[in-house]
Amino acid sequence: MNKMRIEGLTMAITDMDAMVKFYESVFDVRFAAHEMYGATLYQGGWIGLNLLFCPREIAQNTAEQNRHQFDIIVDDLDAVIEMVNSSGGEMMGEIAIQSDQKVASIKDPDGNSIVLKQQL
């Protein structure tokens, strides 16, 4: 079988300014702006992936809800949630304590859900 790995991820973005601010603040992504297709796209490294934010209109994405969900392991869930709340994101319910994890679901400014997990 061929070895495979995910190189990058393109996200169709509705509110570009809010999303760039959120991912820079919460996930420490450092974006570079690129003029392409008559618009500004943002590219940066995120958790080993090449992350590209593309305006929703150019991507021709008409979905009203996300079609993906990330599960991300964090060192300090409470600190990340604080950054989420101060950076335009929001909690989806309460923090859950499972046998070996604290788990919280959040939404980024475009409404994409992300599950944050801290190992106990």
N, C-alpha and C. Protein backbone atom coordinates (compact mmCIF):
# COMPACT_ATOMS: atom_id res chain seq x y z
N MET A 1 0.85 -1.19 0.00
CA MET A 1 0.00 0.00 0.00
C MET A 1 0.89 1.24 0.00
N ASN A 2 0.48 2.25 -0.73
CA ASN A 2 1.22 3.52 -0.77
C ASN A 2 1.13 4.22 0.57
N LYS A 3 2.24 4.83 0.98
CA LYS A 3 2.21 5.65 2.19
C LYS A 3 1.51 6.96 1.85
N MET A 4 0.66 7.40 2.73
CA MET A 4 -0.08 8.64 2.51
C MET A 4 0.02 9.52 3.73
N ARG A 5 -0.11 10.81 3.50
CA ARG A 5 -0.20 11.76 4.60
C ARG A 5 -0.98 12.97 4.10
N ILE A 6 -1.63 13.64 4.97
CA ILE A 6 -2.35 14.85 4.59
C ILE A 6 -1.36 15.99 4.57
N GLU A 7 -1.28 16.67 3.45
CA GLU A 7 -0.35 17.79 3.31
C GLU A 7 -1.01 19.10 3.70
N GLY A 8 -2.25 19.27 3.27
CA GLY A 8 -2.89 20.55 3.51
C GLY A 8 -4.39 20.46 3.61
N LEU A 9 -4.97 21.57 3.99
CA LEU A 9 -6.41 21.69 4.16
C LEU A 9 -6.82 23.07 3.69
N THR A 10 -7.82 23.12 2.83
CA THR A 10 -8.40 24.40 2.40
C THR A 10 -9.77 24.52 3.04
N MET A 11 -10.01 25.66 3.66
CA MET A 11 -11.31 25.93 4.27
C MET A 11 -11.97 27.09 3.54
N ALA A 12 -13.24 26.90 3.17
CA ALA A 12 -14.02 27.96 2.56
C ALA A 12 -14.54 28.86 3.69
N ILE A 13 -14.19 30.15 3.63
CA ILE A 13 -14.41 31.06 4.74
C ILE A 13 -15.45 32.12 4.40
N THR A 14 -16.35 32.38 5.34
CA THR A 14 -17.35 33.43 5.19
C THR A 14 -16.84 34.75 5.76
N ASP A 15 -16.39 34.75 7.00
CA ASP A 15 -15.91 35.97 7.67
C ASP A 15 -14.39 35.88 7.81
N MET A 16 -13.67 36.30 6.77
CA MET A 16 -12.22 36.11 6.71
C MET A 16 -11.50 36.79 7.87
N ASP A 17 -11.80 38.05 8.15
CA ASP A 17 -11.10 38.77 9.22
C ASP A 17 -11.25 38.07 10.56
N ALA A 18 -12.47 37.67 10.89
CA ALA A 18 -12.73 37.00 12.18
C ALA A 18 -12.03 35.65 12.25
N MET A 19 -12.03 34.92 11.14
CA MET A 19 -11.41 33.59 11.13
C MET A 19 -9.89 33.68 11.24
N VAL A 20 -9.27 34.62 10.53
CA VAL A 20 -7.82 34.79 10.63
C VAL A 20 -7.45 35.15 12.06
N LYS A 21 -8.17 36.09 12.65
CA LYS A 21 -7.89 36.50 14.03
C LYS A 21 -8.05 35.31 14.99
N PHE A 22 -9.11 34.55 14.83
CA PHE A 22 -9.39 33.42 15.71
C PHE A 22 -8.28 32.37 15.64
N TYR A 23 -7.93 31.92 14.44
CA TYR A 23 -6.92 30.87 14.30
C TYR A 23 -5.52 31.36 14.69
N GLU A 24 -5.24 32.63 14.49
CA GLU A 24 -3.97 33.18 14.96
C GLU A 24 -3.94 33.22 16.49
N SER A 25 -5.03 33.67 17.10
CA SER A 25 -5.08 33.82 18.56
C SER A 25 -5.15 32.48 19.28
N VAL A 26 -6.02 31.60 18.84
CA VAL A 26 -6.26 30.35 19.56
C VAL A 26 -5.24 29.27 19.21
N PHE A 27 -4.90 29.14 17.94
CA PHE A 27 -4.05 28.03 17.49
C PHE A 27 -2.66 28.47 17.03
N ASP A 28 -2.33 29.75 17.21
CA ASP A 28 -1.00 30.27 16.91
C ASP A 28 -0.60 30.08 15.45
N VAL A 29 -1.57 30.12 14.54
CA VAL A 29 -1.28 30.05 13.10
C VAL A 29 -0.77 31.42 12.67
N ARG A 30 0.28 31.45 11.88
CA ARG A 30 0.81 32.70 11.33
C ARG A 30 0.53 32.68 9.83
N PHE A 31 -0.43 33.51 9.44
CA PHE A 31 -0.88 33.54 8.04
C PHE A 31 -0.08 34.53 7.21
N ALA A 32 0.06 34.21 5.93
CA ALA A 32 0.57 35.13 4.93
C ALA A 32 -0.56 35.35 3.93
N ALA A 33 -0.79 36.60 3.56
CA ALA A 33 -1.84 36.93 2.60
C ALA A 33 -1.31 36.74 1.18
N HIS A 34 -2.16 36.17 0.32
CA HIS A 34 -1.81 35.96 -1.08
C HIS A 34 -2.97 36.44 -1.94
N GLU A 35 -2.67 37.25 -2.93
CA GLU A 35 -3.68 37.71 -3.87
C GLU A 35 -3.81 36.67 -4.97
N MET A 36 -4.99 36.07 -5.07
CA MET A 36 -5.27 35.05 -6.08
C MET A 36 -6.73 35.13 -6.47
N TYR A 37 -7.01 34.88 -7.72
CA TYR A 37 -8.40 34.81 -8.20
C TYR A 37 -9.18 36.09 -7.91
N GLY A 38 -8.48 37.23 -7.85
CA GLY A 38 -9.14 38.50 -7.57
C GLY A 38 -9.55 38.68 -6.12
N ALA A 39 -8.96 37.90 -5.22
CA ALA A 39 -9.30 38.00 -3.79
C ALA A 39 -8.05 37.74 -2.97
N THR A 40 -8.16 37.95 -1.66
CA THR A 40 -7.06 37.66 -0.75
C THR A 40 -7.32 36.34 -0.05
N LEU A 41 -6.37 35.41 -0.19
CA LEU A 41 -6.40 34.13 0.49
C LEU A 41 -5.31 34.16 1.55
N TYR A 42 -5.48 33.39 2.61
CA TYR A 42 -4.52 33.36 3.71
C TYR A 42 -3.99 31.95 3.89
N GLN A 43 -2.66 31.83 3.99
CA GLN A 43 -2.02 30.54 4.10
C GLN A 43 -1.08 30.53 5.30
N GLY A 44 -1.10 29.42 6.05
CA GLY A 44 -0.20 29.29 7.19
C GLY A 44 -0.09 27.83 7.63
N GLY A 45 0.84 27.56 8.50
CA GLY A 45 1.02 26.21 9.03
C GLY A 45 0.19 26.01 10.27
N TRP A 46 -0.48 24.86 10.34
CA TRP A 46 -1.34 24.56 11.50
C TRP A 46 -1.22 23.07 11.82
N ILE A 47 -0.63 22.76 12.95
CA ILE A 47 -0.52 21.39 13.46
C ILE A 47 0.03 20.46 12.37
N GLY A 48 1.06 20.93 11.67
CA GLY A 48 1.69 20.12 10.65
C GLY A 48 1.01 20.14 9.29
N LEU A 49 -0.06 20.90 9.14
CA LEU A 49 -0.77 21.01 7.87
C LEU A 49 -0.54 22.37 7.23
N ASN A 50 -0.59 22.41 5.92
CA ASN A 50 -0.63 23.66 5.19
C ASN A 50 -2.09 24.09 5.17
N LEU A 51 -2.45 25.14 5.90
CA LEU A 51 -3.83 25.60 6.01
C LEU A 51 -4.05 26.78 5.09
N LEU A 52 -5.07 26.69 4.24
CA LEU A 52 -5.40 27.76 3.32
C LEU A 52 -6.84 28.20 3.56
N PHE A 53 -7.01 29.49 3.83
CA PHE A 53 -8.34 30.07 3.95
C PHE A 53 -8.69 30.71 2.62
N CYS A 54 -9.77 30.26 2.02
CA CYS A 54 -10.22 30.75 0.73
C CYS A 54 -11.62 31.34 0.90
N PRO A 55 -11.90 32.53 0.35
CA PRO A 55 -13.26 33.07 0.46
C PRO A 55 -14.29 32.07 -0.06
N ARG A 56 -15.35 31.94 0.65
CA ARG A 56 -16.41 30.97 0.34
C ARG A 56 -16.92 31.11 -1.10
N GLU A 57 -17.00 32.34 -1.58
CA GLU A 57 -17.52 32.57 -2.93
C GLU A 57 -16.59 31.95 -3.99
N ILE A 58 -15.30 32.06 -3.78
CA ILE A 58 -14.34 31.50 -4.74
C ILE A 58 -14.36 29.98 -4.67
N ALA A 59 -14.48 29.44 -3.48
CA ALA A 59 -14.53 27.99 -3.31
C ALA A 59 -15.87 27.41 -3.78
N GLN A 60 -16.83 28.28 -4.02
CA GLN A 60 -18.18 27.90 -4.44
C GLN A 60 -18.81 26.92 -3.46
N ASN A 61 -18.60 27.20 -2.18
CA ASN A 61 -19.14 26.38 -1.11
C ASN A 61 -20.43 27.04 -0.61
N THR A 62 -21.52 26.30 -0.68
CA THR A 62 -22.80 26.84 -0.24
C THR A 62 -23.30 26.21 1.06
N ALA A 63 -22.46 25.38 1.68
CA ALA A 63 -22.85 24.72 2.92
C ALA A 63 -23.08 25.76 4.01
N GLU A 64 -24.14 25.59 4.77
CA GLU A 64 -24.44 26.50 5.88
C GLU A 64 -23.82 26.00 7.18
N GLN A 65 -23.45 24.74 7.23
CA GLN A 65 -22.78 24.17 8.40
C GLN A 65 -21.52 23.48 7.94
N ASN A 66 -20.59 23.31 8.86
CA ASN A 66 -19.32 22.68 8.48
C ASN A 66 -19.52 21.25 8.00
N ARG A 67 -18.61 20.83 7.16
CA ARG A 67 -18.61 19.46 6.67
C ARG A 67 -17.42 18.69 7.24
N HIS A 68 -16.81 19.23 8.23
CA HIS A 68 -15.67 18.60 8.88
C HIS A 68 -15.72 18.95 10.36
N GLN A 69 -15.01 18.20 11.15
CA GLN A 69 -14.85 18.53 12.56
C GLN A 69 -13.48 18.04 13.00
N PHE A 70 -12.73 18.91 13.61
CA PHE A 70 -11.41 18.55 14.11
C PHE A 70 -11.50 18.13 15.56
N ASP A 71 -10.75 17.12 15.94
CA ASP A 71 -10.53 16.76 17.33
C ASP A 71 -9.08 17.11 17.62
N ILE A 72 -8.86 18.01 18.57
CA ILE A 72 -7.52 18.53 18.84
C ILE A 72 -7.15 18.29 20.29
N ILE A 73 -6.00 17.68 20.51
CA ILE A 73 -5.47 17.46 21.86
C ILE A 73 -4.75 18.73 22.28
N VAL A 74 -5.08 19.24 23.46
CA VAL A 74 -4.45 20.45 24.00
C VAL A 74 -3.85 20.14 25.37
N ASP A 75 -2.88 20.95 25.77
CA ASP A 75 -2.25 20.76 27.08
C ASP A 75 -3.08 21.33 28.22
N ASP A 76 -3.74 22.48 27.98
CA ASP A 76 -4.48 23.18 29.02
C ASP A 76 -5.83 23.63 28.45
N LEU A 77 -6.84 22.81 28.61
CA LEU A 77 -8.15 23.06 28.04
C LEU A 77 -8.74 24.39 28.50
N ASP A 78 -8.62 24.69 29.78
CA ASP A 78 -9.20 25.93 30.31
C ASP A 78 -8.56 27.16 29.66
N ALA A 79 -7.25 27.14 29.46
CA ALA A 79 -6.56 28.26 28.82
C ALA A 79 -6.99 28.42 27.37
N VAL A 80 -7.16 27.31 26.66
CA VAL A 80 -7.59 27.38 25.26
C VAL A 80 -9.02 27.91 25.17
N ILE A 81 -9.89 27.47 26.07
CA ILE A 81 -11.28 27.95 26.06
C ILE A 81 -11.32 29.45 26.34
N GLU A 82 -10.47 29.92 27.21
CA GLU A 82 -10.39 31.36 27.47
C GLU A 82 -10.02 32.11 26.19
N MET A 83 -9.05 31.59 25.44
CA MET A 83 -8.67 32.22 24.16
C MET A 83 -9.80 32.14 23.15
N VAL A 84 -10.51 31.01 23.12
CA VAL A 84 -11.66 30.85 22.22
C VAL A 84 -12.69 31.94 22.50
N ASN A 85 -13.05 32.11 23.75
CA ASN A 85 -14.08 33.08 24.13
C ASN A 85 -13.66 34.52 23.85
N SER A 86 -12.37 34.82 23.98
CA SER A 86 -11.91 36.19 23.75
C SER A 86 -11.55 36.46 22.29
N SER A 87 -11.66 35.44 21.44
CA SER A 87 -11.24 35.59 20.04
C SER A 87 -12.38 35.38 19.05
N GLY A 88 -13.61 35.44 19.51
CA GLY A 88 -14.75 35.35 18.59
C GLY A 88 -15.35 33.97 18.43
N GLY A 89 -14.82 32.98 19.17
CA GLY A 89 -15.41 31.65 19.13
C GLY A 89 -16.43 31.50 20.24
N GLU A 90 -17.03 30.32 20.32
CA GLU A 90 -18.01 30.09 21.39
C GLU A 90 -18.03 28.62 21.78
N MET A 91 -18.42 28.39 23.01
CA MET A 91 -18.57 27.04 23.54
C MET A 91 -19.87 26.43 23.01
N MET A 92 -19.86 25.12 22.87
CA MET A 92 -21.06 24.36 22.51
C MET A 92 -21.35 23.43 23.68
N GLY A 93 -22.03 23.92 24.67
CA GLY A 93 -22.30 23.11 25.85
C GLY A 93 -21.21 23.24 26.90
N GLU A 94 -21.24 22.33 27.84
CA GLU A 94 -20.32 22.34 28.98
C GLU A 94 -19.12 21.43 28.73
N ILE A 95 -18.08 21.62 29.53
CA ILE A 95 -16.93 20.73 29.51
C ILE A 95 -17.36 19.39 30.09
N ALA A 96 -17.00 18.32 29.41
CA ALA A 96 -17.33 16.97 29.88
C ALA A 96 -16.06 16.31 30.41
N ILE A 97 -16.22 15.58 31.51
CA ILE A 97 -15.11 14.81 32.07
C ILE A 97 -15.38 13.35 31.73
N GLN A 98 -14.46 12.78 30.96
CA GLN A 98 -14.55 11.36 30.63
C GLN A 98 -13.50 10.64 31.45
N SER A 99 -13.38 9.36 31.29
CA SER A 99 -12.47 8.58 32.14
C SER A 99 -11.04 9.09 32.10
N ASP A 100 -10.55 9.49 30.93
CA ASP A 100 -9.16 9.92 30.84
C ASP A 100 -8.99 11.28 30.15
N GLN A 101 -10.09 12.01 29.96
CA GLN A 101 -10.02 13.28 29.24
C GLN A 101 -11.04 14.29 29.75
N LYS A 102 -10.68 15.57 29.61
CA LYS A 102 -11.64 16.67 29.68
C LYS A 102 -11.92 17.04 28.23
N VAL A 103 -13.19 17.21 27.87
CA VAL A 103 -13.57 17.45 26.48
C VAL A 103 -14.50 18.65 26.39
N ALA A 104 -14.24 19.52 25.42
CA ALA A 104 -15.11 20.67 25.17
C ALA A 104 -15.31 20.81 23.67
N SER A 105 -16.52 21.12 23.27
CA SER A 105 -16.82 21.40 21.88
C SER A 105 -16.97 22.91 21.72
N ILE A 106 -16.36 23.43 20.66
CA ILE A 106 -16.42 24.88 20.39
C ILE A 106 -16.81 25.10 18.95
N LYS A 107 -17.12 26.36 18.63
CA LYS A 107 -17.33 26.79 17.25
C LYS A 107 -16.39 27.94 16.97
N ASP A 108 -15.78 27.93 15.78
CA ASP A 108 -14.99 29.08 15.36
C ASP A 108 -15.95 30.15 14.83
N PRO A 109 -15.46 31.33 14.45
CA PRO A 109 -16.37 32.40 14.02
C PRO A 109 -17.24 32.08 12.81
N ASP A 110 -16.85 31.12 11.97
CA ASP A 110 -17.68 30.71 10.84
C ASP A 110 -18.64 29.58 11.19
N GLY A 111 -18.63 29.14 12.45
CA GLY A 111 -19.56 28.10 12.88
C GLY A 111 -19.05 26.69 12.73
N ASN A 112 -17.76 26.50 12.39
CA ASN A 112 -17.18 25.18 12.29
C ASN A 112 -16.93 24.61 13.68
N SER A 113 -17.35 23.39 13.90
CA SER A 113 -17.17 22.79 15.22
C SER A 113 -15.79 22.15 15.35
N ILE A 114 -15.26 22.25 16.56
CA ILE A 114 -13.96 21.69 16.91
C ILE A 114 -14.10 21.07 18.29
N VAL A 115 -13.58 19.86 18.45
CA VAL A 115 -13.59 19.21 19.76
C VAL A 115 -12.18 19.32 20.34
N LEU A 116 -12.10 19.91 21.52
CA LEU A 116 -10.83 20.07 22.23
C LEU A 116 -10.76 19.03 23.33
N LYS A 117 -9.60 18.37 23.45
CA LYS A 117 -9.45 17.31 24.44
C LYS A 117 -8.15 17.52 25.21
N GLN A 118 -8.26 17.37 26.53
CA GLN A 118 -7.08 17.41 27.39
C GLN A 118 -6.99 16.07 28.11
N GLN A 119 -5.85 15.43 27.97
CA GLN A 119 -5.63 14.15 28.66
C GLN A 119 -5.50 14.41 30.16
N LEU A 120 -6.10 13.57 30.96
CA LEU A 120 -6.01 13.70 32.42
C LEU A 120 -4.93 12.80 32.97
